[in-house]
C-alpha atoms as a PDB file:
ATOM      1  CA  UNK A   1     154.843  68.083 169.188  1.00  0.00           C
ATOM      2  CA  UNK A   2     152.938  71.303 169.660  1.00  0.00           C
ATOM      3  CA  UNK A   3     152.280  73.804 166.908  1.00  0.00           C
ATOM      4  CA  UNK A   4     155.259  76.023 166.276  1.00  0.00           C
ATOM      5  CA  UNK A   5     155.667  79.765 165.955  1.00  0.00           C
ATOM      6  CA  UNK A   6     158.091  81.404 163.535  1.00  0.00           C
ATOM      7  CA  UNK A   7     159.590  84.757 162.687  1.00  0.00           C
ATOM      8  CA  UNK A   8     162.099  86.135 160.199  1.00  0.00           C
ATOM      9  CA  UNK A   9     164.604  88.962 159.942  1.00  0.00           C
ATOM     10  CA  UNK A  10     167.216  90.042 157.407  1.00  0.00           C
ATOM     11  CA  UNK A  11     170.753  90.507 158.680  1.00  0.00           C
ATOM     12  CA  UNK A  12     173.337  92.536 156.754  1.00  0.00           C
ATOM     13  CA  UNK A  13     175.983  89.789 156.722  1.00  0.00           C
ATOM     14  CA  UNK A  14     176.736  86.555 154.894  1.00  0.00           C
ATOM     15  CA  UNK A  15     175.132  83.266 155.975  1.00  0.00           C
ATOM     16  CA  UNK A  16     178.560  82.040 157.145  1.00  0.00           C
ATOM     17  CA  UNK A  17     178.973  84.939 159.566  1.00  0.00           C
ATOM     18  CA  UNK A  18     175.392  84.583 160.820  1.00  0.00           C
ATOM     19  CA  UNK A  19     175.759  80.818 161.365  1.00  0.00           C
ATOM     20  CA  UNK A  20     179.100  81.289 163.117  1.00  0.00           C
ATOM     21  CA  UNK A  21     177.349  83.606 165.592  1.00  0.00           C
ATOM     22  CA  UNK A  22     174.486  81.132 166.093  1.00  0.00           C
ATOM     23  CA  UNK A  23     176.955  78.244 166.535  1.00  0.00           C
ATOM     24  CA  UNK A  24     179.016  80.038 169.202  1.00  0.00           C
ATOM     25  CA  UNK A  25     176.713  78.895 172.001  1.00  0.00           C
ATOM     26  CA  UNK A  26     179.252  79.618 174.733  1.00  0.00           C
ATOM     27  CA  UNK A  27     179.049  83.345 173.844  1.00  0.00           C
ATOM     28  CA  UNK A  28     175.247  83.528 174.214  1.00  0.00           C
ATOM     29  CA  UNK A  29     175.378  85.030 177.740  1.00  0.00           C
ATOM     30  CA  UNK A  30     177.206  88.020 176.183  1.00  0.00           C
ATOM     31  CA  UNK A  31     174.317  88.923 173.881  1.00  0.00           C
ATOM     32  CA  UNK A  32     171.194  86.847 174.622  1.00  0.00           C
ATOM     33  CA  UNK A  33     169.505  88.743 177.446  1.00  0.00           C
ATOM     34  CA  UNK A  34     167.653  85.772 178.997  1.00  0.00           C
ATOM     35  CA  UNK A  35     170.610  83.327 178.930  1.00  0.00           C
ATOM     36  CA  UNK A  36     172.839  83.600 182.006  1.00  0.00           C
ATOM     37  CA  UNK A  37     175.141  80.652 181.268  1.00  0.00           C
ATOM     38  CA  UNK A  38     175.870  77.952 178.709  1.00  0.00           C
ATOM     39  CA  UNK A  39     177.885  74.819 179.358  1.00  0.00           C
ATOM     40  CA  UNK A  40     178.978  72.823 176.315  1.00  0.00           C
ATOM     41  CA  UNK A  41     178.457  69.158 177.204  1.00  0.00           C
ATOM     42  CA  UNK A  42     179.430  67.382 173.984  1.00  0.00           C
ATOM     43  CA  UNK A  43     181.224  68.421 170.823  1.00  0.00           C
ATOM     44  CA  UNK A  44     181.387  66.181 167.757  1.00  0.00           C
ATOM     45  CA  UNK A  45     184.371  65.287 165.596  1.00  0.00           C
ATOM     46  CA  UNK A  46     183.202  68.033 163.228  1.00  0.00           C
ATOM     47  CA  UNK A  47     183.826  70.622 165.953  1.00  0.00           C
ATOM     48  CA  UNK A  48     180.122  71.423 166.244  1.00  0.00           C
ATOM     49  CA  UNK A  49     178.385  71.443 169.605  1.00  0.00           C
ATOM     50  CA  UNK A  50     176.065  68.451 169.958  1.00  0.00           C
ATOM     51  CA  UNK A  51     174.654  69.127 173.423  1.00  0.00           C
ATOM     52  CA  UNK A  52     174.712  72.124 175.746  1.00  0.00           C
ATOM     53  CA  UNK A  53     173.168  73.079 179.091  1.00  0.00           C
ATOM     54  CA  UNK A  54     171.538  76.497 179.334  1.00  0.00           C
ATOM     55  CA  UNK A  55     170.515  78.524 182.367  1.00  0.00           C
ATOM     56  CA  UNK A  56     167.774  80.978 181.493  1.00  0.00           C
ATOM     57  CA  UNK A  57     166.474  83.826 183.625  1.00  0.00           C
ATOM     58  CA  UNK A  58     163.731  85.827 181.927  1.00  0.00           C
ATOM     59  CA  UNK A  59     162.369  87.538 185.025  1.00  0.00           C
ATOM     60  CA  UNK A  60     159.526  85.405 186.312  1.00  0.00           C
ATOM     61  CA  UNK A  61     160.507  82.491 184.048  1.00  0.00           C
ATOM     62  CA  UNK A  62     163.653  80.614 185.025  1.00  0.00           C
ATOM     63  CA  UNK A  63     164.835  77.253 183.686  1.00  0.00           C
ATOM     64  CA  UNK A  64     167.880  75.049 183.340  1.00  0.00           C
ATOM     65  CA  UNK A  65     167.722  72.809 180.283  1.00  0.00           C
ATOM     66  CA  UNK A  66     169.818  70.731 177.880  1.00  0.00           C
ATOM     67  CA  UNK A  67     169.462  70.954 174.095  1.00  0.00           C
ATOM     68  CA  UNK A  68     170.740  68.515 171.443  1.00  0.00           C
ATOM     69  CA  UNK A  69     171.717  70.092 168.113  1.00  0.00           C
ATOM     70  CA  UNK A  70     171.593  68.871 164.517  1.00  0.00           C
ATOM     71  CA  UNK A  71     173.735  71.011 162.182  1.00  0.00           C
ATOM     72  CA  UNK A  72     173.073  70.867 158.430  1.00  0.00           C
ATOM     73  CA  UNK A  73     176.132  69.909 156.376  1.00  0.00           C
ATOM     74  CA  UNK A  74     175.663  72.935 154.115  1.00  0.00           C
ATOM     75  CA  UNK A  75     175.859  75.345 157.074  1.00  0.00           C
ATOM     76  CA  UNK A  76     172.503  76.892 156.217  1.00  0.00           C
ATOM     77  CA  UNK A  77     170.393  75.501 159.070  1.00  0.00           C
ATOM     78  CA  UNK A  78     170.459  74.094 162.561  1.00  0.00           C
ATOM     79  CA  UNK A  79     167.722  72.467 164.608  1.00  0.00           C
ATOM     80  CA  UNK A  80     167.530  71.377 168.219  1.00  0.00           C
ATOM     81  CA  UNK A  81     165.470  69.294 170.621  1.00  0.00           C
ATOM     82  CA  UNK A  82     165.101  69.435 174.376  1.00  0.00           C
ATOM     83  CA  UNK A  83     166.933  66.608 176.148  1.00  0.00           C
ATOM     84  CA  UNK A  84     165.959  67.635 179.665  1.00  0.00           C
ATOM     85  CA  UNK A  85     164.476  70.642 181.388  1.00  0.00           C
ATOM     86  CA  UNK A  86     163.008  71.723 184.688  1.00  0.00           C
ATOM     87  CA  UNK A  87     160.174  73.955 183.451  1.00  0.00           C
ATOM     88  CA  UNK A  88     160.040  72.726 179.848  1.00  0.00           C
ATOM     89  CA  UNK A  89     158.847  69.271 178.885  1.00  0.00           C
ATOM     90  CA  UNK A  90     159.649  69.726 175.176  1.00  0.00           C
ATOM     91  CA  UNK A  91     161.300  72.242 172.885  1.00  0.00           C
ATOM     92  CA  UNK A  92     161.978  72.075 169.185  1.00  0.00           C
ATOM     93  CA  UNK A  93     163.564  74.932 167.343  1.00  0.00           C
ATOM     94  CA  UNK A  94     165.458  75.790 164.200  1.00  0.00           C
ATOM     95  CA  UNK A  95     167.257  78.542 162.349  1.00  0.00           C
ATOM     96  CA  UNK A  96     167.188  78.439 158.545  1.00  0.00           C
ATOM     97  CA  UNK A  97     169.396  80.871 156.620  1.00  0.00           C
ATOM     98  CA  UNK A  98     168.788  82.069 153.067  1.00  0.00           C
ATOM     99  CA  UNK A  99     171.170  84.385 151.191  1.00  0.00           C
ATOM    100  CA  UNK A 100     169.581  87.690 150.182  1.00  0.00           C
ATOM    101  CA  UNK A 101     171.039  90.702 148.365  1.00  0.00           C
ATOM    102  CA  UNK A 102     173.599  92.108 150.761  1.00  0.00           C
ATOM    103  CA  UNK A 103     172.653  89.837 153.617  1.00  0.00           C
ATOM    104  CA  UNK A 104     170.903  86.801 155.004  1.00  0.00           C
ATOM    105  CA  UNK A 105     167.295  86.076 155.819  1.00  0.00           C
ATOM    106  CA  UNK A 106     167.075  84.228 159.139  1.00  0.00           C
ATOM    107  CA  UNK A 107     163.919  82.234 159.891  1.00  0.00           C
ATOM    108  CA  UNK A 108     163.553  81.085 163.492  1.00  0.00           C
ATOM    109  CA  UNK A 109     160.932  78.467 164.333  1.00  0.00           C
ATOM    110  CA  UNK A 110     160.125  77.443 167.908  1.00  0.00           C
ATOM    111  CA  UNK A 111     157.710  75.128 169.722  1.00  0.00           C
ATOM    112  CA  UNK A 112     157.813  74.825 173.507  1.00  0.00           C
ATOM    113  CA  UNK A 113     155.685  72.781 175.908  1.00  0.00           C
ATOM    114  CA  UNK A 114     155.873  73.399 179.627  1.00  0.00           C
ATOM    115  CA  UNK A 115     155.203  71.134 182.592  1.00  0.00           C
ATOM    116  CA  UNK A 116     152.632  73.683 183.752  1.00  0.00           C
ATOM    117  CA  UNK A 117     149.445  74.042 181.705  1.00  0.00           C
ATOM    118  CA  UNK A 118     149.206  77.141 179.518  1.00  0.00           C
ATOM    119  CA  UNK A 119     146.487  78.287 177.145  1.00  0.00           C
ATOM    120  CA  UNK A 120     147.616  77.825 173.531  1.00  0.00           C
ATOM    121  CA  UNK A 121     147.090  81.482 172.613  1.00  0.00           C
ATOM    122  CA  UNK A 122     149.262  82.652 175.516  1.00  0.00           C
ATOM    123  CA  UNK A 123     151.931  80.085 174.648  1.00  0.00           C
ATOM    124  CA  UNK A 124     152.045  81.262 170.997  1.00  0.00           C
ATOM    125  CA  UNK A 125     152.269  84.861 172.187  1.00  0.00           C
ATOM    126  CA  UNK A 126     155.172  83.989 174.518  1.00  0.00           C
ATOM    127  CA  UNK A 127     156.943  82.092 171.722  1.00  0.00           C
ATOM    128  CA  UNK A 128     156.503  85.112 169.417  1.00  0.00           C
ATOM    129  CA  UNK A 129     158.086  87.407 172.025  1.00  0.00           C
ATOM    130  CA  UNK A 130     160.999  84.943 172.444  1.00  0.00           C
ATOM    131  CA  UNK A 131     161.481  84.708 168.667  1.00  0.00           C
ATOM    132  CA  UNK A 132     161.305  88.454 168.031  1.00  0.00           C
ATOM    133  CA  UNK A 133     163.703  89.162 170.897  1.00  0.00           C
ATOM    134  CA  UNK A 134     166.139  86.452 169.755  1.00  0.00           C
ATOM    135  CA  UNK A 135     166.119  87.650 166.139  1.00  0.00           C
ATOM    136  CA  UNK A 136     166.647  91.259 167.204  1.00  0.00           C
ATOM    137  CA  UNK A 137     169.529  90.294 169.485  1.00  0.00           C
ATOM    138  CA  UNK A 138     171.079  88.120 166.761  1.00  0.00           C
ATOM    139  CA  UNK A 139     170.876  90.959 164.204  1.00  0.00           C
ATOM    140  CA  UNK A 140     172.436  93.408 166.674  1.00  0.00           C
ATOM    141  CA  UNK A 141     175.268  90.981 167.536  1.00  0.00           C
ATOM    142  CA  UNK A 142     176.074  90.049 163.920  1.00  0.00           C
ATOM    143  CA  UNK A 143     175.936  93.615 162.584  1.00  0.00           C
ATOM    144  CA  UNK A 144     177.919  95.122 165.503  1.00  0.00           C
END
């Protein structure tokens, strides 16, 4: 797997509220600017989404892909892996939540490999933009 990029933000809500927002994948098109649709493919006996198909349109970058999720039992983290994608050949990501005074620190880690070659520096820069945008949108959604 490729090197990953990470970012962090503090959200003025409890970890439970933050994770509930992260876990509501079907609502992503309402607040994640690049995601146009999400289809839940499989839900486990625990009620958590195990696989979902995303349609992403970020201007010049468009992709349809399926992610498989692994939810931590303590509700403080979630990770995912790419199952299939058109533009992406691999994706690994995670959110890790840590309680902080009056809120929650959210750390987002992401590594993406594409079917088209891309210079590592440009890829890291793109991942950083994705992470910063996602964290900002998450904070706005949770604190709204």
